Amino acid sequence: MKHVIALDVGGTGMKAALVAQDGSVLYEARRPTGREHGTDAVVATILDFAADLAQEGRTRFGAAPLAAGVAVPGTIDEKNGIAVFSANLGWRDLPMRKLLGERLGNIPVALGHDVRSGGLAEGRIGAGRGVDRFLFIALGTGIAGAIGIHGGIEAGAHGYGGEIGHVVVRPGGPQCGCGARGCLETLASASAVSRAWAEATGDPDADAAACAVAVDAGDPAALAVWQNAVDALADGIVLAQSLLDPSTVIVGGGLAEAGDTLFTPLRAAVTERLTFQMPPKVVPAMLKDTAASLGAGLLAWDLLSMEVTA
């Protein structure tokens, strides 16, 4: 069975798979990233995990993987295969493609951004399958996105395409880690909702999931916190609709786990704000936390296809 290695490196854990050419998963595994042990240990863990996956493929299918794809957070140089910077994992200018290629017997290796890789998977085999143009939004600790066009992801001229989390929706609003004020992720991320709900309740342990439960119970304070986040997210989506005109907006990440508690008011808020724009379908992501690893596998298969046609 022909297969590739797919690896998603997160701040606390790694998700991996052996992926067939049609995107189907042949084998799955997870492992802690181990960032508490330092950057060198994280890199060693990634390389060891990839080598173990390669051995798993040989044992199960009698053949080595044809290629590997790895999705990482932070800033990356996809063209040269370099993980430029990750605040969470501590690396700078890490030659990820070279290191993985050497460890895996010099097979081709594709490097991708974690959220853009997730968007690629959602577009091809998830909620955006068959959709020509879509916007993928991941609502997590922060907010990131990916612009989908004709089955691929538009990374932009400098690799920052889709960063909807840093669109300013409330000028002069809360300070963002990027240095600006009023960025979308300061208002509508899971972290932002958790902070607002903790402040409203006086409970430092209150989080976005608890806020969603309180919303369902009709708590007025929770409804106010939730609606503020929904309104900010709707403003960001309408701005993106004006610029990009996607037919579908796919929303994933931890906050999207609230289901209709999020999507019902969000769809209404987007519709209320539209004037001349065509309304997009606003849908939940399908692939959950496996999206980035599946996207990494698709990147690996894409790389093989390019080598064949080159």
Protein backbone atom coordinates (compact mmCIF):
# COMPACT_ATOMS: atom_id res chain seq x y z
CA MET A 1 0.00 0.00 0.00
CA LYS A 2 1.47 3.33 -1.07
CA HIS A 3 1.52 5.84 1.78
CA VAL A 4 3.11 8.98 3.16
CA ILE A 5 3.88 10.19 6.68
CA ALA A 6 1.73 13.04 7.99
CA LEU A 7 2.81 14.85 11.13
CA ASP A 8 1.25 17.80 12.99
CA VAL A 9 3.51 19.33 15.64
CA GLY A 10 1.62 21.22 18.33
CA GLY A 11 2.70 23.08 21.44
CA THR A 12 1.87 20.17 23.75
CA GLY A 13 1.22 17.17 21.51
CA MET A 14 1.88 15.73 18.08
CA LYS A 15 -0.70 14.01 15.89
CA ALA A 16 0.45 11.75 13.10
CA ALA A 17 -0.84 9.38 10.47
CA LEU A 18 0.08 7.24 7.53
CA VAL A 19 -2.05 8.58 4.69
CA ALA A 20 -3.06 7.02 1.37
CA GLN A 21 -3.22 9.04 -1.85
CA ASP A 22 -6.97 9.64 -1.53
CA GLY A 23 -6.46 11.20 1.91
CA SER A 24 -7.71 8.17 3.84
CA VAL A 25 -5.94 7.37 7.11
CA LEU A 26 -4.19 4.01 7.26
CA TYR A 27 -2.71 4.39 10.73
CA GLU A 28 -2.85 7.04 13.48
CA ALA A 29 -0.64 7.85 16.45
CA ARG A 30 -0.11 10.61 19.01
CA ARG A 31 2.82 11.59 21.18
CA PRO A 32 3.67 14.44 23.59
CA THR A 33 5.82 17.19 22.09
CA GLY A 34 7.85 17.49 25.28
CA ARG A 35 8.55 21.20 25.05
CA GLU A 36 9.26 21.29 28.81
CA HIS A 37 12.54 19.53 27.99
CA GLY A 38 13.77 22.27 25.68
CA THR A 39 14.00 22.93 21.95
CA ASP A 40 16.65 20.31 21.16
CA ALA A 41 14.56 17.64 22.85
CA VAL A 42 11.48 18.70 20.88
CA VAL A 43 13.35 18.38 17.60
CA ALA A 44 14.71 14.96 18.61
CA THR A 45 11.18 13.83 19.53
CA ILE A 46 9.84 14.93 16.14
CA LEU A 47 12.58 13.06 14.28
CA ASP A 48 12.14 9.94 16.42
CA PHE A 49 8.37 9.98 15.91
CA ALA A 50 8.78 10.28 12.15
CA ALA A 51 11.26 7.39 12.12
CA ASP A 52 8.87 5.24 14.15
CA LEU A 53 6.07 6.04 11.71
CA ALA A 54 8.27 5.03 8.79
CA GLN A 55 9.00 1.72 10.50
CA GLU A 56 5.28 1.24 11.16
CA GLY A 57 4.63 1.67 7.45
CA ARG A 58 7.27 -0.87 6.51
CA THR A 59 5.89 -3.37 9.03
CA ARG A 60 2.25 -2.93 8.03
CA PHE A 61 2.56 -2.51 4.28
CA GLY A 62 5.94 -3.95 3.39
CA ALA A 63 7.12 -0.67 1.93
CA ALA A 64 8.71 2.56 3.08
CA PRO A 65 6.75 5.82 2.95
CA LEU A 66 7.10 7.67 -0.34
CA ALA A 67 7.28 11.11 1.29
CA ALA A 68 6.52 12.98 4.48
CA GLY A 69 4.61 16.13 5.33
CA VAL A 70 4.97 18.07 8.56
CA ALA A 71 2.80 20.93 9.79
CA VAL A 72 4.22 23.28 12.42
CA PRO A 73 3.07 26.45 14.18
CA GLY A 74 4.68 29.85 13.96
CA THR A 75 6.45 31.44 11.03
CA ILE A 76 7.70 29.17 8.27
CA ASP A 77 9.52 29.36 4.95
CA GLU A 78 7.70 26.70 2.95
CA LYS A 79 9.82 27.12 -0.16
CA ASN A 80 13.09 26.40 1.64
CA GLY A 81 11.65 24.04 4.24
CA ILE A 82 12.65 26.14 7.23
CA ALA A 83 10.67 26.56 10.45
CA VAL A 84 11.64 30.20 10.95
CA PHE A 85 10.23 30.90 14.41
CA SER A 86 7.93 29.39 17.03
CA ALA A 87 7.43 31.14 20.35
CA ASN A 88 5.87 28.03 21.90
CA LEU A 89 8.49 25.55 20.73
CA GLY A 90 11.50 27.83 20.96
CA TRP A 91 13.15 27.28 17.60
CA ARG A 92 14.57 29.78 15.14
CA ASP A 93 15.57 29.01 11.54
CA LEU A 94 15.22 25.26 12.01
CA PRO A 95 15.95 23.37 8.74
CA MET A 96 13.02 21.04 9.32
CA ARG A 97 12.81 19.63 5.81
CA LYS A 98 16.52 18.82 5.70
CA LEU A 99 16.54 17.20 9.14
CA LEU A 100 13.48 15.06 8.47
CA GLY A 101 14.64 14.11 5.00
CA GLU A 102 17.99 12.90 6.31
CA ARG A 103 16.38 10.94 9.16
CA LEU A 104 13.93 9.26 6.79
CA GLY A 105 16.42 8.15 4.17
CA ASN A 106 16.26 11.26 1.98
CA ILE A 107 12.62 10.90 0.96
CA PRO A 108 10.85 14.12 -0.16
CA VAL A 109 9.54 16.24 2.74
CA ALA A 110 6.94 19.01 2.60
CA LEU A 111 6.73 21.66 5.31
CA GLY A 112 3.47 23.48 5.98
CA HIS A 113 1.91 25.91 8.45
CA ASP A 114 -0.41 24.12 10.86
CA VAL A 115 -3.54 26.21 10.24
CA ARG A 116 -3.05 26.44 6.48
CA SER A 117 -2.50 22.67 6.41
CA GLY A 118 -5.73 22.24 8.35
CA GLY A 119 -7.51 24.49 5.89
CA LEU A 120 -6.14 22.45 2.98
CA ALA A 121 -7.55 19.25 4.48
CA GLU A 122 -10.94 20.83 5.22
CA GLY A 123 -11.05 22.11 1.65
CA ARG A 124 -10.25 18.83 -0.04
CA ILE A 125 -11.68 16.13 2.20
CA GLY A 126 -13.67 18.00 4.86
CA ALA A 127 -16.34 20.68 5.10
CA GLY A 128 -15.10 22.51 1.99
CA ARG A 129 -14.96 19.51 -0.33
CA GLY A 130 -16.12 20.58 -3.78
CA VAL A 131 -16.04 24.29 -2.83
CA ASP A 132 -14.10 26.54 -5.20
CA ARG A 133 -13.35 29.35 -2.75
CA PHE A 134 -13.55 29.22 1.01
CA LEU A 135 -12.21 30.84 4.15
CA PHE A 136 -11.15 28.57 7.00
CA ILE A 137 -11.11 30.13 10.48
CA ALA A 138 -9.62 28.34 13.50
CA LEU A 139 -10.90 29.65 16.85
CA GLY A 140 -8.44 28.51 19.49
CA THR A 141 -6.04 30.19 21.87
CA GLY A 142 -5.77 32.75 19.11
CA ILE A 143 -7.48 33.01 15.74
CA ALA A 144 -5.86 32.03 12.46
CA GLY A 145 -7.18 31.31 9.01
CA ALA A 146 -6.55 29.99 5.54
CA ILE A 147 -7.77 31.17 2.14
CA GLY A 148 -8.83 28.27 -0.08
CA ILE A 149 -8.82 28.64 -3.88
CA HIS A 150 -9.32 25.81 -6.40
CA GLY A 151 -8.24 23.04 -4.00
CA GLY A 152 -5.15 24.85 -2.73
CA ILE A 153 -4.32 27.40 -0.05
CA GLU A 154 -3.22 30.95 -0.88
CA ALA A 155 -0.34 31.71 1.47
CA GLY A 156 0.23 35.26 0.21
CA ALA A 157 3.38 36.96 -1.03
CA HIS A 158 5.19 36.59 2.32
CA GLY A 159 3.47 33.57 3.83
CA TYR A 160 1.02 35.49 6.02
CA GLY A 161 -2.14 35.10 3.97
CA GLY A 162 -5.29 34.31 5.94
CA GLU A 163 -4.26 35.92 9.24
CA ILE A 164 -7.81 37.03 9.99
CA GLY A 165 -7.09 36.95 13.72
CA HIS A 166 -5.11 40.15 13.28
CA VAL A 167 -7.74 42.09 11.39
CA VAL A 168 -8.65 45.07 13.59
CA VAL A 169 -12.38 44.96 14.29
CA ARG A 170 -12.42 47.27 17.34
CA PRO A 171 -9.96 50.17 16.79
CA GLY A 172 -8.38 51.14 20.09
CA GLY A 173 -9.61 47.90 21.68
CA PRO A 174 -7.67 45.36 23.75
CA GLN A 175 -3.92 45.07 23.25
CA CYS A 176 -2.96 42.14 21.03
CA GLY A 177 0.25 40.16 21.24
CA CYS A 178 1.07 41.36 17.72
CA GLY A 179 1.28 44.95 19.00
CA ALA A 180 -1.99 46.25 17.55
CA ARG A 181 -5.21 47.01 19.42
CA GLY A 182 -8.63 45.54 18.78
CA CYS A 183 -7.54 42.52 16.71
CA LEU A 184 -10.22 39.91 16.18
CA GLU A 185 -8.41 37.32 18.29
CA THR A 186 -8.44 39.62 21.34
CA LEU A 187 -12.25 39.50 21.26
CA ALA A 188 -13.48 36.27 19.69
CA SER A 189 -10.88 33.57 20.41
CA ALA A 190 -11.49 30.90 23.03
CA SER A 191 -8.94 32.67 25.20
CA ALA A 192 -10.75 35.99 24.85
CA VAL A 193 -14.11 34.46 25.77
CA SER A 194 -12.49 32.69 28.74
CA ARG A 195 -11.00 35.95 30.00
CA ALA A 196 -14.28 37.82 29.60
CA TRP A 197 -16.29 35.09 31.33
CA ALA A 198 -13.77 34.80 34.18
CA GLU A 199 -14.04 38.54 34.72
CA ALA A 200 -17.85 38.47 34.58
CA THR A 201 -18.10 35.63 37.11
CA GLY A 202 -15.17 36.51 39.33
CA ASP A 203 -13.96 32.92 38.88
CA PRO A 204 -10.40 32.78 37.50
CA ASP A 205 -10.97 29.18 36.39
CA ALA A 206 -14.07 29.97 34.29
CA ASP A 207 -13.50 29.27 30.61
CA ALA A 208 -15.17 29.49 27.21
CA ALA A 209 -16.70 26.02 27.49
CA ALA A 210 -18.33 26.99 30.79
CA CYS A 211 -19.56 30.20 29.20
CA ALA A 212 -21.22 28.22 26.41
CA VAL A 213 -22.99 26.03 28.97
CA ALA A 214 -24.22 29.14 30.76
CA VAL A 215 -25.43 30.60 27.45
CA ASP A 216 -27.50 27.48 26.84
CA ALA A 217 -28.95 27.90 30.33
CA GLY A 218 -29.99 31.47 29.51
CA ASP A 219 -27.59 33.26 31.87
CA PRO A 220 -27.78 37.01 30.96
CA ALA A 221 -24.12 37.69 31.78
CA ALA A 222 -22.99 34.74 29.67
CA LEU A 223 -25.24 35.84 26.80
CA ALA A 224 -23.62 39.30 26.86
CA VAL A 225 -20.08 37.88 26.84
CA TRP A 226 -20.95 35.41 24.08
CA GLN A 227 -22.71 38.00 21.91
CA ASN A 228 -19.74 40.37 22.13
CA ALA A 229 -17.51 37.61 20.76
CA VAL A 230 -20.04 36.63 18.08
CA ASP A 231 -20.41 40.25 16.95
CA ALA A 232 -16.65 40.69 16.63
CA LEU A 233 -16.34 37.43 14.68
CA ALA A 234 -19.19 38.44 12.38
CA ASP A 235 -17.46 41.78 11.71
CA GLY A 236 -14.28 39.93 10.74
CA ILE A 237 -16.15 37.53 8.47
CA VAL A 238 -18.00 40.36 6.69
CA LEU A 239 -14.71 42.20 6.16
CA ALA A 240 -13.24 39.03 4.65
CA GLN A 241 -16.37 38.57 2.54
CA SER A 242 -15.92 42.03 1.06
CA LEU A 243 -12.27 41.36 0.20
CA LEU A 244 -12.28 37.69 -0.80
CA ASP A 245 -15.89 36.78 -1.65
CA PRO A 246 -15.67 33.13 -0.51
CA SER A 247 -18.74 30.99 -1.05
CA THR A 248 -18.18 29.19 2.26
CA VAL A 249 -16.71 30.12 5.64
CA ILE A 250 -15.55 27.05 7.59
CA VAL A 251 -15.18 27.61 11.32
CA GLY A 252 -13.17 25.19 13.43
CA GLY A 253 -11.13 25.14 16.61
CA GLY A 254 -12.15 24.71 20.22
CA LEU A 255 -14.81 27.41 20.26
CA ALA A 256 -16.61 25.79 17.32
CA GLU A 257 -17.23 22.76 19.54
CA ALA A 258 -20.13 24.79 21.01
CA GLY A 259 -22.10 23.86 17.87
CA ASP A 260 -25.39 25.69 17.36
CA THR A 261 -24.69 27.82 20.42
CA LEU A 262 -22.08 29.51 18.24
CA PHE A 263 -23.35 28.98 14.71
CA THR A 264 -26.96 30.09 15.12
CA PRO A 265 -26.17 33.61 16.42
CA LEU A 266 -23.09 33.86 14.19
CA ARG A 267 -25.05 33.20 11.00
CA ALA A 268 -27.65 35.76 12.09
CA ALA A 269 -24.99 38.36 12.90
CA VAL A 270 -23.25 37.88 9.55
CA THR A 271 -26.54 38.18 7.65
CA GLU A 272 -27.46 41.38 9.51
CA ARG A 273 -24.18 43.02 8.48
CA LEU A 274 -24.22 42.18 4.79
CA THR A 275 -25.25 44.89 2.33
CA PHE A 276 -24.20 44.22 -1.26
CA GLN A 277 -22.11 41.11 -0.50
CA MET A 278 -23.34 37.65 -1.40
CA PRO A 279 -23.94 35.71 1.84
CA PRO A 280 -21.48 32.90 2.47
CA LYS A 281 -22.43 29.57 3.96
CA VAL A 282 -21.06 29.50 7.51
CA VAL A 283 -20.39 25.87 8.44
CA PRO A 284 -18.53 23.94 11.14
CA ALA A 285 -15.26 22.22 10.31
CA MET A 286 -15.49 18.44 9.96
CA LEU A 287 -12.00 17.13 10.68
CA LYS A 288 -11.60 18.45 14.24
CA ASP A 289 -8.07 18.16 15.63
CA THR A 290 -6.85 15.82 12.86
CA ALA A 291 -7.12 18.48 10.15
CA ALA A 292 -3.50 19.69 10.27
CA SER A 293 -1.99 16.20 10.18
CA LEU A 294 -4.24 15.20 7.26
CA GLY A 295 -3.25 18.43 5.52
CA ALA A 296 0.40 17.57 6.03
CA GLY A 297 -0.26 14.25 4.31
CA LEU A 298 -1.91 15.99 1.39
CA LEU A 299 1.11 18.32 1.11
CA ALA A 300 3.35 15.26 0.90
CA TRP A 301 1.26 13.76 -1.91
CA ASP A 302 1.22 17.14 -3.68
CA LEU A 303 5.00 17.22 -3.49
CA LEU A 304 5.23 13.79 -5.10
CA SER A 305 2.84 14.89 -7.86
CA MET A 306 4.99 17.95 -8.60
CA GLU A 307 8.10 15.80 -8.82
CA VAL A 308 6.39 13.49 -11.32
CA THR A 309 5.27 16.37 -13.54
CA ALA A 310 8.53 18.36 -13.24
